Amino acid sequence: MALTQTLCTVFKTNLLSGLEDFNTGTIYTYKIALYTAAAALNADTLAYTVDGEITGTGYTAGGEVLTPTVPASNSGTAYVTFADVTWNPAEFTTAGALIYNSTTGAAVAVLNFGSDKTATLTFEVQFPTATATTAIIRFS
């Protein structure tokens, strides 16, 4: 599979440059786009791309807007996650996703679902809870 689950290097650089913000009221909008197993997404992914993005009923290129939790920290780990996102209706197959800053286009993280997931009515990406050991984005 060409989808490597990781935080993208450009995201880490953008954080250190003050170009990312998950707080309420941020000027940035984050999205999640869905991809096929053939998509080449990894730590070197710089930005949202249509290459390998899925098509199908209920899916619009560029994906869905994400709602981040309030960034927090515990025991030396800072973290943030997102509210679950649902496509309904949904009739498509996907193997992974790209979280990206749709305001700047910059990649944030690649998700690998482990195998093809086929939706025939509803498709939901369930994000882990916002804790120092489970949040989707965390730094320790």
N, C-alpha and C. Protein backbone atom coordinates (compact mmCIF):
# COMPACT_ATOMS: atom_id res chain seq x y z
N MET A 1 0.85 -1.19 0.00
CA MET A 1 0.00 0.00 0.00
C MET A 1 0.89 1.24 0.00
N ALA A 2 0.54 2.22 -0.76
CA ALA A 2 1.34 3.42 -0.90
C ALA A 2 0.97 4.50 0.11
N LEU A 3 0.04 4.23 1.01
CA LEU A 3 -0.36 5.20 2.03
C LEU A 3 0.42 4.91 3.31
N THR A 4 1.30 5.81 3.70
CA THR A 4 2.09 5.62 4.91
C THR A 4 1.53 6.52 6.00
N GLN A 5 0.97 5.93 7.06
CA GLN A 5 0.37 6.72 8.13
C GLN A 5 1.46 7.49 8.87
N THR A 6 1.32 8.81 8.90
CA THR A 6 2.36 9.66 9.47
C THR A 6 1.89 11.10 9.60
N LEU A 7 2.57 11.87 10.42
CA LEU A 7 2.45 13.32 10.36
C LEU A 7 3.38 13.78 9.24
N CYS A 8 2.92 14.70 8.43
CA CYS A 8 3.72 15.18 7.31
C CYS A 8 4.79 16.16 7.79
N THR A 9 5.96 16.06 7.19
CA THR A 9 7.09 16.91 7.57
C THR A 9 6.75 18.39 7.40
N VAL A 10 6.04 18.74 6.34
CA VAL A 10 5.66 20.13 6.11
C VAL A 10 4.80 20.66 7.27
N PHE A 11 3.97 19.80 7.84
CA PHE A 11 3.15 20.19 8.98
C PHE A 11 4.03 20.53 10.19
N LYS A 12 5.02 19.71 10.45
CA LYS A 12 5.92 19.97 11.57
C LYS A 12 6.67 21.28 11.38
N THR A 13 7.14 21.52 10.16
CA THR A 13 7.83 22.77 9.86
C THR A 13 6.88 23.96 10.01
N ASN A 14 5.65 23.80 9.52
CA ASN A 14 4.67 24.88 9.63
C ASN A 14 4.34 25.19 11.09
N LEU A 15 4.28 24.17 11.93
CA LEU A 15 4.04 24.40 13.36
C LEU A 15 5.14 25.28 13.95
N LEU A 16 6.38 24.96 13.63
CA LEU A 16 7.50 25.73 14.17
C LEU A 16 7.58 27.13 13.58
N SER A 17 6.92 27.33 12.45
CA SER A 17 6.89 28.65 11.81
C SER A 17 5.64 29.44 12.15
N GLY A 18 4.76 28.88 13.00
CA GLY A 18 3.54 29.57 13.40
C GLY A 18 2.48 29.58 12.32
N LEU A 19 2.50 28.59 11.41
CA LEU A 19 1.57 28.57 10.29
C LEU A 19 0.45 27.56 10.45
N GLU A 20 0.24 27.05 11.64
CA GLU A 20 -0.87 26.15 11.94
C GLU A 20 -1.52 26.64 13.23
N ASP A 21 -2.85 26.45 13.34
CA ASP A 21 -3.58 26.88 14.52
C ASP A 21 -4.89 26.10 14.61
N PHE A 22 -5.04 25.34 15.67
CA PHE A 22 -6.25 24.53 15.85
C PHE A 22 -7.22 25.13 16.86
N ASN A 23 -6.91 26.29 17.39
CA ASN A 23 -7.77 26.92 18.40
C ASN A 23 -9.10 27.37 17.81
N THR A 24 -10.12 27.47 18.65
CA THR A 24 -11.41 27.99 18.24
C THR A 24 -11.22 29.40 17.69
N GLY A 25 -11.86 29.69 16.57
CA GLY A 25 -11.75 31.00 15.97
C GLY A 25 -10.54 31.17 15.06
N THR A 26 -9.81 30.10 14.82
CA THR A 26 -8.64 30.18 13.94
C THR A 26 -9.03 30.63 12.54
N ILE A 27 -8.09 31.20 11.85
CA ILE A 27 -8.33 31.60 10.45
C ILE A 27 -8.21 30.41 9.52
N TYR A 28 -7.71 29.28 10.03
CA TYR A 28 -7.48 28.11 9.20
C TYR A 28 -8.66 27.14 9.23
N THR A 29 -8.90 26.51 8.09
CA THR A 29 -9.89 25.45 7.98
C THR A 29 -9.15 24.16 7.65
N TYR A 30 -9.46 23.11 8.39
CA TYR A 30 -8.84 21.80 8.15
C TYR A 30 -9.86 20.88 7.52
N LYS A 31 -9.40 20.04 6.60
CA LYS A 31 -10.28 19.11 5.89
C LYS A 31 -9.66 17.72 5.87
N ILE A 32 -10.50 16.75 5.54
CA ILE A 32 -10.05 15.38 5.33
C ILE A 32 -10.53 14.93 3.95
N ALA A 33 -9.58 14.49 3.13
CA ALA A 33 -9.87 13.97 1.80
C ALA A 33 -9.58 12.48 1.80
N LEU A 34 -10.35 11.71 1.05
CA LEU A 34 -10.22 10.26 1.01
C LEU A 34 -9.48 9.80 -0.24
N TYR A 35 -8.69 8.71 -0.11
CA TYR A 35 -7.83 8.25 -1.19
C TYR A 35 -7.92 6.74 -1.39
N THR A 36 -7.53 6.31 -2.61
CA THR A 36 -7.44 4.89 -2.93
C THR A 36 -6.10 4.35 -2.42
N ALA A 37 -5.98 3.04 -2.43
CA ALA A 37 -4.74 2.39 -2.00
C ALA A 37 -3.57 2.74 -2.91
N ALA A 38 -3.84 3.17 -4.13
CA ALA A 38 -2.78 3.51 -5.08
C ALA A 38 -2.20 4.90 -4.87
N ALA A 39 -2.80 5.70 -4.00
CA ALA A 39 -2.32 7.06 -3.75
C ALA A 39 -0.94 7.01 -3.10
N ALA A 40 -0.07 7.91 -3.52
CA ALA A 40 1.28 7.99 -2.95
C ALA A 40 1.32 9.11 -1.93
N LEU A 41 0.93 8.79 -0.70
CA LEU A 41 0.91 9.78 0.38
C LEU A 41 1.81 9.28 1.51
N ASN A 42 2.70 10.16 1.99
CA ASN A 42 3.64 9.78 3.04
C ASN A 42 4.16 11.03 3.75
N ALA A 43 5.21 10.91 4.54
CA ALA A 43 5.76 12.04 5.29
C ALA A 43 6.21 13.17 4.39
N ASP A 44 6.56 12.87 3.15
CA ASP A 44 7.02 13.90 2.21
C ASP A 44 5.90 14.60 1.47
N THR A 45 4.65 14.20 1.70
CA THR A 45 3.52 14.85 1.05
C THR A 45 3.46 16.31 1.51
N LEU A 46 3.45 17.21 0.55
CA LEU A 46 3.48 18.64 0.86
C LEU A 46 2.10 19.28 0.96
N ALA A 47 1.17 18.80 0.14
CA ALA A 47 -0.11 19.49 0.03
C ALA A 47 -1.22 18.55 -0.43
N TYR A 48 -2.43 19.03 -0.29
CA TYR A 48 -3.58 18.32 -0.83
C TYR A 48 -3.36 18.08 -2.31
N THR A 49 -3.75 16.89 -2.78
CA THR A 49 -3.63 16.54 -4.19
C THR A 49 -4.85 15.75 -4.63
N VAL A 50 -5.20 15.87 -5.88
CA VAL A 50 -6.29 15.07 -6.43
C VAL A 50 -5.78 13.72 -6.91
N ASP A 51 -4.46 13.54 -7.00
CA ASP A 51 -3.88 12.27 -7.46
C ASP A 51 -4.21 11.16 -6.47
N GLY A 52 -4.99 10.18 -6.92
CA GLY A 52 -5.37 9.06 -6.07
C GLY A 52 -6.59 9.31 -5.21
N GLU A 53 -7.18 10.51 -5.31
CA GLU A 53 -8.38 10.81 -4.53
C GLU A 53 -9.55 9.99 -5.08
N ILE A 54 -10.40 9.53 -4.19
CA ILE A 54 -11.53 8.71 -4.60
C ILE A 54 -12.59 9.53 -5.33
N THR A 55 -13.48 8.82 -5.99
CA THR A 55 -14.69 9.41 -6.55
C THR A 55 -15.83 8.47 -6.15
N GLY A 56 -17.02 8.98 -6.14
CA GLY A 56 -18.17 8.15 -5.83
C GLY A 56 -19.33 8.97 -5.32
N THR A 57 -20.46 8.31 -5.17
CA THR A 57 -21.67 8.95 -4.69
C THR A 57 -21.46 9.51 -3.30
N GLY A 58 -21.80 10.79 -3.12
CA GLY A 58 -21.72 11.43 -1.82
C GLY A 58 -20.37 12.03 -1.48
N TYR A 59 -19.38 11.81 -2.35
CA TYR A 59 -18.05 12.34 -2.08
C TYR A 59 -17.75 13.48 -3.03
N THR A 60 -17.27 14.59 -2.48
CA THR A 60 -16.87 15.75 -3.26
C THR A 60 -15.36 15.91 -3.15
N ALA A 61 -14.70 16.15 -4.29
CA ALA A 61 -13.25 16.35 -4.27
C ALA A 61 -12.87 17.39 -3.24
N GLY A 62 -11.82 17.11 -2.50
CA GLY A 62 -11.38 18.00 -1.43
C GLY A 62 -11.83 17.53 -0.07
N GLY A 63 -12.85 16.66 -0.04
CA GLY A 63 -13.28 16.07 1.22
C GLY A 63 -14.19 16.95 2.06
N GLU A 64 -14.18 16.67 3.36
CA GLU A 64 -15.08 17.34 4.32
C GLU A 64 -14.29 18.19 5.31
N VAL A 65 -14.95 19.22 5.81
CA VAL A 65 -14.36 20.09 6.84
C VAL A 65 -14.28 19.33 8.16
N LEU A 66 -13.18 19.50 8.86
CA LEU A 66 -12.98 18.90 10.17
C LEU A 66 -13.17 19.93 11.27
N THR A 67 -13.65 19.47 12.43
CA THR A 67 -13.77 20.33 13.60
C THR A 67 -12.76 19.85 14.63
N PRO A 68 -11.69 20.63 14.86
CA PRO A 68 -10.69 20.20 15.83
C PRO A 68 -11.18 20.38 17.27
N THR A 69 -10.66 19.53 18.16
CA THR A 69 -10.89 19.74 19.58
C THR A 69 -9.99 20.88 20.03
N VAL A 70 -10.20 21.38 21.22
CA VAL A 70 -9.32 22.41 21.76
C VAL A 70 -7.97 21.76 22.07
N PRO A 71 -6.87 22.30 21.55
CA PRO A 71 -5.56 21.72 21.88
C PRO A 71 -5.35 21.70 23.39
N ALA A 72 -4.73 20.63 23.87
CA ALA A 72 -4.52 20.46 25.30
C ALA A 72 -3.19 19.75 25.53
N SER A 73 -2.84 19.58 26.79
CA SER A 73 -1.64 18.83 27.13
C SER A 73 -1.83 18.11 28.45
N ASN A 74 -1.04 17.04 28.62
CA ASN A 74 -1.08 16.25 29.84
C ASN A 74 0.22 15.45 29.91
N SER A 75 0.86 15.46 31.04
CA SER A 75 2.08 14.69 31.28
C SER A 75 3.14 14.91 30.20
N GLY A 76 3.29 16.14 29.76
CA GLY A 76 4.33 16.48 28.80
C GLY A 76 3.97 16.24 27.35
N THR A 77 2.75 15.82 27.07
CA THR A 77 2.33 15.59 25.69
C THR A 77 1.24 16.58 25.32
N ALA A 78 1.46 17.31 24.23
CA ALA A 78 0.45 18.21 23.69
C ALA A 78 -0.30 17.46 22.60
N TYR A 79 -1.61 17.73 22.47
CA TYR A 79 -2.41 16.93 21.53
C TYR A 79 -3.64 17.68 21.06
N VAL A 80 -4.15 17.19 19.92
CA VAL A 80 -5.41 17.66 19.36
C VAL A 80 -5.98 16.51 18.52
N THR A 81 -7.28 16.45 18.43
CA THR A 81 -7.94 15.48 17.57
C THR A 81 -9.11 16.19 16.90
N PHE A 82 -9.98 15.45 16.26
CA PHE A 82 -11.09 16.05 15.51
C PHE A 82 -12.38 15.34 15.84
N ALA A 83 -13.49 16.03 15.61
CA ALA A 83 -14.80 15.39 15.70
C ALA A 83 -14.92 14.41 14.53
N ASP A 84 -15.65 13.33 14.74
CA ASP A 84 -15.89 12.35 13.67
C ASP A 84 -16.53 13.05 12.48
N VAL A 85 -16.28 12.53 11.30
CA VAL A 85 -16.86 13.10 10.08
C VAL A 85 -17.57 11.99 9.31
N THR A 86 -18.74 12.34 8.75
CA THR A 86 -19.59 11.35 8.09
C THR A 86 -19.96 11.80 6.68
N TRP A 87 -19.92 10.84 5.76
CA TRP A 87 -20.45 11.05 4.42
C TRP A 87 -21.74 10.25 4.33
N ASN A 88 -22.83 10.91 3.98
CA ASN A 88 -24.13 10.24 3.86
C ASN A 88 -24.97 11.04 2.88
N PRO A 89 -25.29 10.50 1.72
CA PRO A 89 -25.08 9.13 1.28
C PRO A 89 -23.61 8.91 0.93
N ALA A 90 -23.23 7.63 0.86
CA ALA A 90 -21.86 7.28 0.51
C ALA A 90 -21.86 5.96 -0.25
N GLU A 91 -21.26 6.00 -1.42
CA GLU A 91 -21.07 4.78 -2.19
C GLU A 91 -19.71 4.90 -2.88
N PHE A 92 -18.69 4.39 -2.19
CA PHE A 92 -17.33 4.47 -2.69
C PHE A 92 -16.43 3.54 -1.89
N THR A 93 -15.20 3.39 -2.37
CA THR A 93 -14.18 2.59 -1.67
C THR A 93 -12.98 3.48 -1.42
N THR A 94 -12.44 3.40 -0.20
CA THR A 94 -11.28 4.20 0.19
C THR A 94 -10.33 3.36 1.02
N ALA A 95 -9.06 3.72 0.98
CA ALA A 95 -8.04 3.00 1.76
C ALA A 95 -7.34 3.90 2.77
N GLY A 96 -7.57 5.21 2.66
CA GLY A 96 -6.90 6.13 3.57
C GLY A 96 -7.34 7.55 3.34
N ALA A 97 -6.66 8.45 4.03
CA ALA A 97 -7.08 9.85 3.98
C ALA A 97 -5.90 10.79 4.16
N LEU A 98 -6.11 12.03 3.78
CA LEU A 98 -5.15 13.10 4.03
C LEU A 98 -5.88 14.18 4.81
N ILE A 99 -5.35 14.52 5.97
CA ILE A 99 -5.81 15.69 6.71
C ILE A 99 -4.94 16.84 6.23
N TYR A 100 -5.57 17.94 5.88
CA TYR A 100 -4.79 19.07 5.38
C TYR A 100 -5.43 20.39 5.77
N ASN A 101 -4.61 21.43 5.75
CA ASN A 101 -5.05 22.79 6.02
C ASN A 101 -5.57 23.33 4.70
N SER A 102 -6.89 23.43 4.56
CA SER A 102 -7.44 23.84 3.26
C SER A 102 -7.28 25.33 3.01
N THR A 103 -6.92 26.10 4.02
CA THR A 103 -6.65 27.52 3.83
C THR A 103 -5.32 27.70 3.09
N THR A 104 -4.33 26.91 3.47
CA THR A 104 -3.00 27.02 2.86
C THR A 104 -2.73 25.90 1.86
N GLY A 105 -3.50 24.81 1.95
CA GLY A 105 -3.29 23.64 1.11
C GLY A 105 -2.28 22.66 1.68
N ALA A 106 -1.60 23.03 2.76
CA ALA A 106 -0.51 22.22 3.31
C ALA A 106 -1.02 20.93 3.95
N ALA A 107 -0.30 19.84 3.71
CA ALA A 107 -0.62 18.54 4.29
C ALA A 107 -0.34 18.54 5.79
N VAL A 108 -1.16 17.81 6.54
CA VAL A 108 -0.99 17.67 7.98
C VAL A 108 -0.63 16.23 8.33
N ALA A 109 -1.48 15.28 7.94
CA ALA A 109 -1.26 13.89 8.31
C ALA A 109 -1.88 12.95 7.28
N VAL A 110 -1.25 11.80 7.13
CA VAL A 110 -1.77 10.74 6.27
C VAL A 110 -2.33 9.64 7.16
N LEU A 111 -3.53 9.18 6.86
CA LEU A 111 -4.15 8.08 7.58
C LEU A 111 -4.25 6.86 6.67
N ASN A 112 -3.87 5.71 7.17
CA ASN A 112 -3.99 4.46 6.44
C ASN A 112 -5.04 3.62 7.16
N PHE A 113 -6.11 3.26 6.47
CA PHE A 113 -7.21 2.51 7.08
C PHE A 113 -6.92 1.01 7.21
N GLY A 114 -5.75 0.56 6.74
CA GLY A 114 -5.37 -0.84 6.88
C GLY A 114 -5.81 -1.74 5.74
N SER A 115 -6.86 -1.36 5.06
CA SER A 115 -7.36 -2.10 3.91
C SER A 115 -8.42 -1.24 3.24
N ASP A 116 -8.89 -1.69 2.08
CA ASP A 116 -9.98 -0.97 1.42
C ASP A 116 -11.23 -1.03 2.28
N LYS A 117 -11.89 0.10 2.40
CA LYS A 117 -13.17 0.18 3.11
C LYS A 117 -14.21 0.62 2.09
N THR A 118 -15.27 -0.17 1.95
CA THR A 118 -16.31 0.13 0.97
C THR A 118 -17.58 0.58 1.68
N ALA A 119 -18.06 1.73 1.27
CA ALA A 119 -19.30 2.29 1.83
C ALA A 119 -20.43 2.05 0.83
N THR A 120 -21.58 1.64 1.35
CA THR A 120 -22.74 1.46 0.47
C THR A 120 -23.91 2.34 0.89
N LEU A 121 -23.79 3.01 2.03
CA LEU A 121 -24.83 3.92 2.49
C LEU A 121 -24.23 5.11 3.23
N THR A 122 -23.45 4.81 4.28
CA THR A 122 -22.83 5.85 5.11
C THR A 122 -21.37 5.48 5.33
N PHE A 123 -20.51 6.49 5.36
CA PHE A 123 -19.10 6.27 5.69
C PHE A 123 -18.70 7.27 6.76
N GLU A 124 -18.08 6.78 7.83
CA GLU A 124 -17.67 7.65 8.93
C GLU A 124 -16.22 7.40 9.29
N VAL A 125 -15.48 8.48 9.45
CA VAL A 125 -14.13 8.40 10.00
C VAL A 125 -14.27 8.76 11.47
N GLN A 126 -13.95 7.81 12.32
CA GLN A 126 -14.03 8.01 13.76
C GLN A 126 -12.64 8.31 14.29
N PHE A 127 -12.48 9.48 14.86
CA PHE A 127 -11.19 9.88 15.40
C PHE A 127 -11.08 9.44 16.86
N PRO A 128 -9.85 9.14 17.29
CA PRO A 128 -9.66 8.75 18.69
C PRO A 128 -9.95 9.92 19.63
N THR A 129 -10.19 9.58 20.90
CA THR A 129 -10.48 10.62 21.89
C THR A 129 -9.28 11.54 22.09
N ALA A 130 -9.57 12.70 22.61
CA ALA A 130 -8.54 13.71 22.83
C ALA A 130 -7.84 13.46 24.16
N THR A 131 -6.83 12.60 24.13
CA THR A 131 -6.00 12.37 25.31
C THR A 131 -4.54 12.34 24.87
N ALA A 132 -3.65 12.40 25.82
CA ALA A 132 -2.22 12.42 25.53
C ALA A 132 -1.73 11.11 24.92
N THR A 133 -2.49 10.04 25.06
CA THR A 133 -2.04 8.75 24.52
C THR A 133 -2.84 8.28 23.31
N THR A 134 -3.95 8.97 22.99
CA THR A 134 -4.78 8.49 21.88
C THR A 134 -5.09 9.51 20.80
N ALA A 135 -4.94 10.79 21.05
CA ALA A 135 -5.32 11.81 20.05
C ALA A 135 -4.58 11.58 18.73
N ILE A 136 -5.20 11.96 17.64
CA ILE A 136 -4.65 11.70 16.32
C ILE A 136 -3.35 12.49 16.08
N ILE A 137 -3.23 13.68 16.67
CA ILE A 137 -2.00 14.48 16.58
C ILE A 137 -1.51 14.71 17.99
N ARG A 138 -0.28 14.27 18.26
CA ARG A 138 0.29 14.47 19.60
C ARG A 138 1.79 14.57 19.53
N PHE A 139 2.32 15.41 20.42
CA PHE A 139 3.77 15.63 20.50
C PHE A 139 4.19 15.47 21.95
N SER A 140 5.22 14.66 22.17
CA SER A 140 5.70 14.49 23.54
C SER A 140 7.18 14.81 23.64
